[in-house]
Amino acid sequence: MTLLSFQMNDSTVSRLDRLAEKRKLSPAQVAAMAIEEFIGREEWQLAEIEAAVREADQGDFASDEEVAAVLSKYASNPSRK
């Protein structure tokens, strides 16, 4: 494991401490979990964006008819608002 040191504002540290106490974990454990979750989510999101850009670069777009079909599906159902 690698030890990281960084600064956080006091209000965030207080929130971290309260959460750690409620979860019966150390603040370091909660911070590590939060960082791991954030990195996983960001990696997933960036991979999805990169895939979408590749599709767009290849001209892989929905046709006008496909877009109209989706729009009409939701526009014709007032309970979905």
N, C-alpha and C. Protein backbone atom coordinates (compact mmCIF):
# COMPACT_ATOMS: atom_id res chain seq x y z
N MET A 1 0.84 -1.19 0.00
CA MET A 1 0.00 0.00 0.00
C MET A 1 0.88 1.24 0.00
N THR A 2 0.32 2.30 -0.54
CA THR A 2 1.01 3.58 -0.57
C THR A 2 0.28 4.57 0.32
N LEU A 3 1.00 5.33 1.07
CA LEU A 3 0.43 6.36 1.93
C LEU A 3 0.29 7.64 1.13
N LEU A 4 -0.91 8.20 1.12
CA LEU A 4 -1.17 9.48 0.46
C LEU A 4 -1.42 10.54 1.52
N SER A 5 -0.99 11.73 1.23
CA SER A 5 -1.24 12.85 2.12
C SER A 5 -1.79 13.99 1.27
N PHE A 6 -2.92 14.56 1.70
CA PHE A 6 -3.50 15.68 0.97
C PHE A 6 -4.31 16.53 1.92
N GLN A 7 -4.64 17.71 1.47
CA GLN A 7 -5.41 18.63 2.30
C GLN A 7 -6.88 18.59 1.92
N MET A 8 -7.73 18.72 2.93
CA MET A 8 -9.18 18.81 2.73
C MET A 8 -9.68 19.94 3.61
N ASN A 9 -10.77 20.56 3.17
CA ASN A 9 -11.30 21.64 4.01
C ASN A 9 -11.92 21.05 5.28
N ASP A 10 -11.97 21.86 6.31
CA ASP A 10 -12.39 21.39 7.63
C ASP A 10 -13.80 20.81 7.64
N SER A 11 -14.70 21.40 6.88
CA SER A 11 -16.08 20.90 6.90
C SER A 11 -16.15 19.50 6.28
N THR A 12 -15.35 19.25 5.26
CA THR A 12 -15.34 17.92 4.65
C THR A 12 -14.75 16.89 5.60
N VAL A 13 -13.71 17.27 6.31
CA VAL A 13 -13.11 16.37 7.31
C VAL A 13 -14.12 16.05 8.40
N SER A 14 -14.87 17.04 8.84
CA SER A 14 -15.90 16.79 9.87
C SER A 14 -16.96 15.82 9.35
N ARG A 15 -17.38 16.01 8.12
CA ARG A 15 -18.37 15.09 7.54
C ARG A 15 -17.79 13.69 7.42
N LEU A 16 -16.55 13.59 7.00
CA LEU A 16 -15.88 12.30 6.89
C LEU A 16 -15.80 11.62 8.25
N ASP A 17 -15.44 12.35 9.27
CA ASP A 17 -15.35 11.80 10.62
C ASP A 17 -16.70 11.28 11.10
N ARG A 18 -17.76 12.07 10.87
CA ARG A 18 -19.10 11.64 11.29
C ARG A 18 -19.53 10.37 10.55
N LEU A 19 -19.29 10.34 9.26
CA LEU A 19 -19.65 9.16 8.47
C LEU A 19 -18.86 7.94 8.93
N ALA A 20 -17.58 8.11 9.16
CA ALA A 20 -16.74 7.00 9.61
C ALA A 20 -17.24 6.45 10.94
N GLU A 21 -17.61 7.35 11.83
CA GLU A 21 -18.12 6.92 13.14
C GLU A 21 -19.41 6.12 12.98
N LYS A 22 -20.31 6.61 12.14
CA LYS A 22 -21.58 5.90 11.92
C LYS A 22 -21.37 4.54 11.27
N ARG A 23 -20.38 4.45 10.39
CA ARG A 23 -20.10 3.19 9.68
C ARG A 23 -19.18 2.27 10.49
N LYS A 24 -18.70 2.78 11.63
CA LYS A 24 -17.76 2.04 12.48
C LYS A 24 -16.49 1.66 11.71
N LEU A 25 -15.99 2.65 10.97
CA LEU A 25 -14.76 2.52 10.20
C LEU A 25 -13.87 3.69 10.53
N SER A 26 -12.62 3.59 10.16
CA SER A 26 -11.73 4.74 10.35
C SER A 26 -11.98 5.74 9.23
N PRO A 27 -11.68 7.01 9.49
CA PRO A 27 -11.81 8.00 8.41
C PRO A 27 -10.97 7.61 7.19
N ALA A 28 -9.80 7.02 7.40
CA ALA A 28 -8.95 6.61 6.28
C ALA A 28 -9.64 5.52 5.45
N GLN A 29 -10.32 4.59 6.11
CA GLN A 29 -11.03 3.54 5.37
C GLN A 29 -12.16 4.13 4.54
N VAL A 30 -12.91 5.05 5.12
CA VAL A 30 -14.01 5.67 4.39
C VAL A 30 -13.47 6.48 3.21
N ALA A 31 -12.39 7.21 3.43
CA ALA A 31 -11.79 8.00 2.35
C ALA A 31 -11.29 7.08 1.24
N ALA A 32 -10.65 5.97 1.58
CA ALA A 32 -10.16 5.03 0.57
C ALA A 32 -11.32 4.44 -0.23
N MET A 33 -12.41 4.09 0.46
CA MET A 33 -13.58 3.56 -0.24
C MET A 33 -14.16 4.60 -1.19
N ALA A 34 -14.24 5.83 -0.73
CA ALA A 34 -14.80 6.91 -1.56
C ALA A 34 -13.93 7.15 -2.80
N ILE A 35 -12.64 7.14 -2.61
CA ILE A 35 -11.74 7.36 -3.74
C ILE A 35 -11.85 6.22 -4.74
N GLU A 36 -11.88 4.98 -4.26
CA GLU A 36 -12.01 3.83 -5.15
C GLU A 36 -13.32 3.90 -5.94
N GLU A 37 -14.41 4.25 -5.26
CA GLU A 37 -15.70 4.36 -5.95
C GLU A 37 -15.67 5.47 -6.99
N PHE A 38 -15.10 6.61 -6.64
CA PHE A 38 -15.01 7.73 -7.56
C PHE A 38 -14.20 7.34 -8.79
N ILE A 39 -13.05 6.71 -8.59
CA ILE A 39 -12.19 6.33 -9.71
C ILE A 39 -12.91 5.33 -10.61
N GLY A 40 -13.57 4.35 -10.02
CA GLY A 40 -14.31 3.37 -10.81
C GLY A 40 -15.39 4.03 -11.66
N ARG A 41 -16.14 4.95 -11.06
CA ARG A 41 -17.21 5.64 -11.78
C ARG A 41 -16.65 6.52 -12.89
N GLU A 42 -15.57 7.23 -12.60
CA GLU A 42 -14.96 8.09 -13.61
C GLU A 42 -14.38 7.28 -14.76
N GLU A 43 -13.72 6.15 -14.44
CA GLU A 43 -13.18 5.30 -15.50
C GLU A 43 -14.29 4.78 -16.40
N TRP A 44 -15.40 4.35 -15.79
CA TRP A 44 -16.54 3.85 -16.57
C TRP A 44 -17.09 4.96 -17.46
N GLN A 45 -17.30 6.13 -16.88
CA GLN A 45 -17.89 7.23 -17.63
C GLN A 45 -16.99 7.65 -18.79
N LEU A 46 -15.71 7.76 -18.54
CA LEU A 46 -14.78 8.14 -19.61
C LEU A 46 -14.73 7.08 -20.71
N ALA A 47 -14.78 5.81 -20.34
CA ALA A 47 -14.80 4.73 -21.34
C ALA A 47 -16.05 4.83 -22.20
N GLU A 48 -17.19 5.13 -21.58
CA GLU A 48 -18.44 5.29 -22.33
C GLU A 48 -18.38 6.48 -23.28
N ILE A 49 -17.81 7.57 -22.81
CA ILE A 49 -17.68 8.77 -23.66
C ILE A 49 -16.74 8.47 -24.83
N GLU A 50 -15.63 7.82 -24.54
CA GLU A 50 -14.68 7.48 -25.62
C GLU A 50 -15.33 6.56 -26.64
N ALA A 51 -16.13 5.58 -26.18
CA ALA A 51 -16.82 4.68 -27.10
C ALA A 51 -17.82 5.45 -27.95
N ALA A 52 -18.52 6.39 -27.35
CA ALA A 52 -19.50 7.20 -28.10
C ALA A 52 -18.80 8.07 -29.14
N VAL A 53 -17.65 8.61 -28.79
CA VAL A 53 -16.90 9.43 -29.75
C VAL A 53 -16.44 8.56 -30.92
N ARG A 54 -15.96 7.34 -30.62
CA ARG A 54 -15.56 6.44 -31.70
C ARG A 54 -16.73 6.13 -32.62
N GLU A 55 -17.91 5.87 -32.02
CA GLU A 55 -19.11 5.60 -32.83
C GLU A 55 -19.46 6.81 -33.69
N ALA A 56 -19.38 7.99 -33.10
CA ALA A 56 -19.71 9.20 -33.85
C ALA A 56 -18.70 9.42 -34.98
N ASP A 57 -17.43 9.17 -34.69
CA ASP A 57 -16.40 9.31 -35.73
C ASP A 57 -16.63 8.35 -36.89
N GLN A 58 -17.25 7.21 -36.60
CA GLN A 58 -17.54 6.21 -37.63
C GLN A 58 -18.88 6.49 -38.30
N GLY A 59 -19.56 7.56 -37.87
CA GLY A 59 -20.85 7.91 -38.46
C GLY A 59 -21.99 7.04 -37.99
N ASP A 60 -21.82 6.40 -36.84
CA ASP A 60 -22.83 5.49 -36.31
C ASP A 60 -23.86 6.28 -35.50
N PHE A 61 -24.82 6.88 -36.21
CA PHE A 61 -25.85 7.69 -35.59
C PHE A 61 -27.22 7.04 -35.81
N ALA A 62 -28.17 7.39 -34.96
CA ALA A 62 -29.54 6.94 -35.17
C ALA A 62 -30.11 7.68 -36.38
N SER A 63 -30.91 6.96 -37.13
CA SER A 63 -31.56 7.59 -38.30
C SER A 63 -32.68 8.50 -37.82
N ASP A 64 -33.14 9.36 -38.72
CA ASP A 64 -34.27 10.23 -38.40
C ASP A 64 -35.48 9.41 -37.97
N GLU A 65 -35.69 8.30 -38.64
CA GLU A 65 -36.84 7.44 -38.33
C GLU A 65 -36.71 6.82 -36.93
N GLU A 66 -35.50 6.40 -36.55
CA GLU A 66 -35.28 5.82 -35.22
C GLU A 66 -35.51 6.86 -34.13
N VAL A 67 -35.04 8.05 -34.36
CA VAL A 67 -35.23 9.13 -33.38
C VAL A 67 -36.71 9.45 -33.26
N ALA A 68 -37.42 9.54 -34.38
CA ALA A 68 -38.85 9.84 -34.36
C ALA A 68 -39.62 8.75 -33.63
N ALA A 69 -39.23 7.49 -33.82
CA ALA A 69 -39.92 6.39 -33.14
C ALA A 69 -39.77 6.49 -31.63
N VAL A 70 -38.58 6.81 -31.16
CA VAL A 70 -38.36 6.95 -29.71
C VAL A 70 -39.13 8.14 -29.17
N LEU A 71 -39.08 9.27 -29.88
CA LEU A 71 -39.79 10.46 -29.42
C LEU A 71 -41.30 10.23 -29.38
N SER A 72 -41.82 9.58 -30.37
CA SER A 72 -43.27 9.35 -30.40
C SER A 72 -43.68 8.37 -29.30
N LYS A 73 -42.82 7.45 -28.97
CA LYS A 73 -43.11 6.50 -27.89
C LYS A 73 -43.35 7.24 -26.57
N TYR A 74 -42.52 8.23 -26.29
CA TYR A 74 -42.64 8.95 -25.03
C TYR A 74 -43.60 10.14 -25.12
N ALA A 75 -43.70 10.75 -26.26
CA ALA A 75 -44.59 11.90 -26.43
C ALA A 75 -46.05 11.47 -26.41
N SER A 76 -46.33 10.23 -26.81
CA SER A 76 -47.73 9.79 -26.88
C SER A 76 -48.22 9.24 -25.56
N ASN A 77 -47.37 9.17 -24.53
CA ASN A 77 -47.77 8.64 -23.25
C ASN A 77 -47.68 9.73 -22.19
N PRO A 78 -48.82 10.44 -21.90
CA PRO A 78 -48.79 11.57 -20.97
C PRO A 78 -48.39 11.17 -19.55
N SER A 79 -48.55 9.91 -19.16
CA SER A 79 -48.22 9.51 -17.80
C SER A 79 -46.72 9.47 -17.55
N ARG A 80 -45.90 9.60 -18.57
CA ARG A 80 -44.44 9.55 -18.43
C ARG A 80 -43.83 10.91 -18.11
N LYS A 81 -44.63 11.94 -17.98
CA LYS A 81 -44.09 13.28 -17.72
C LYS A 81 -43.71 13.44 -16.29
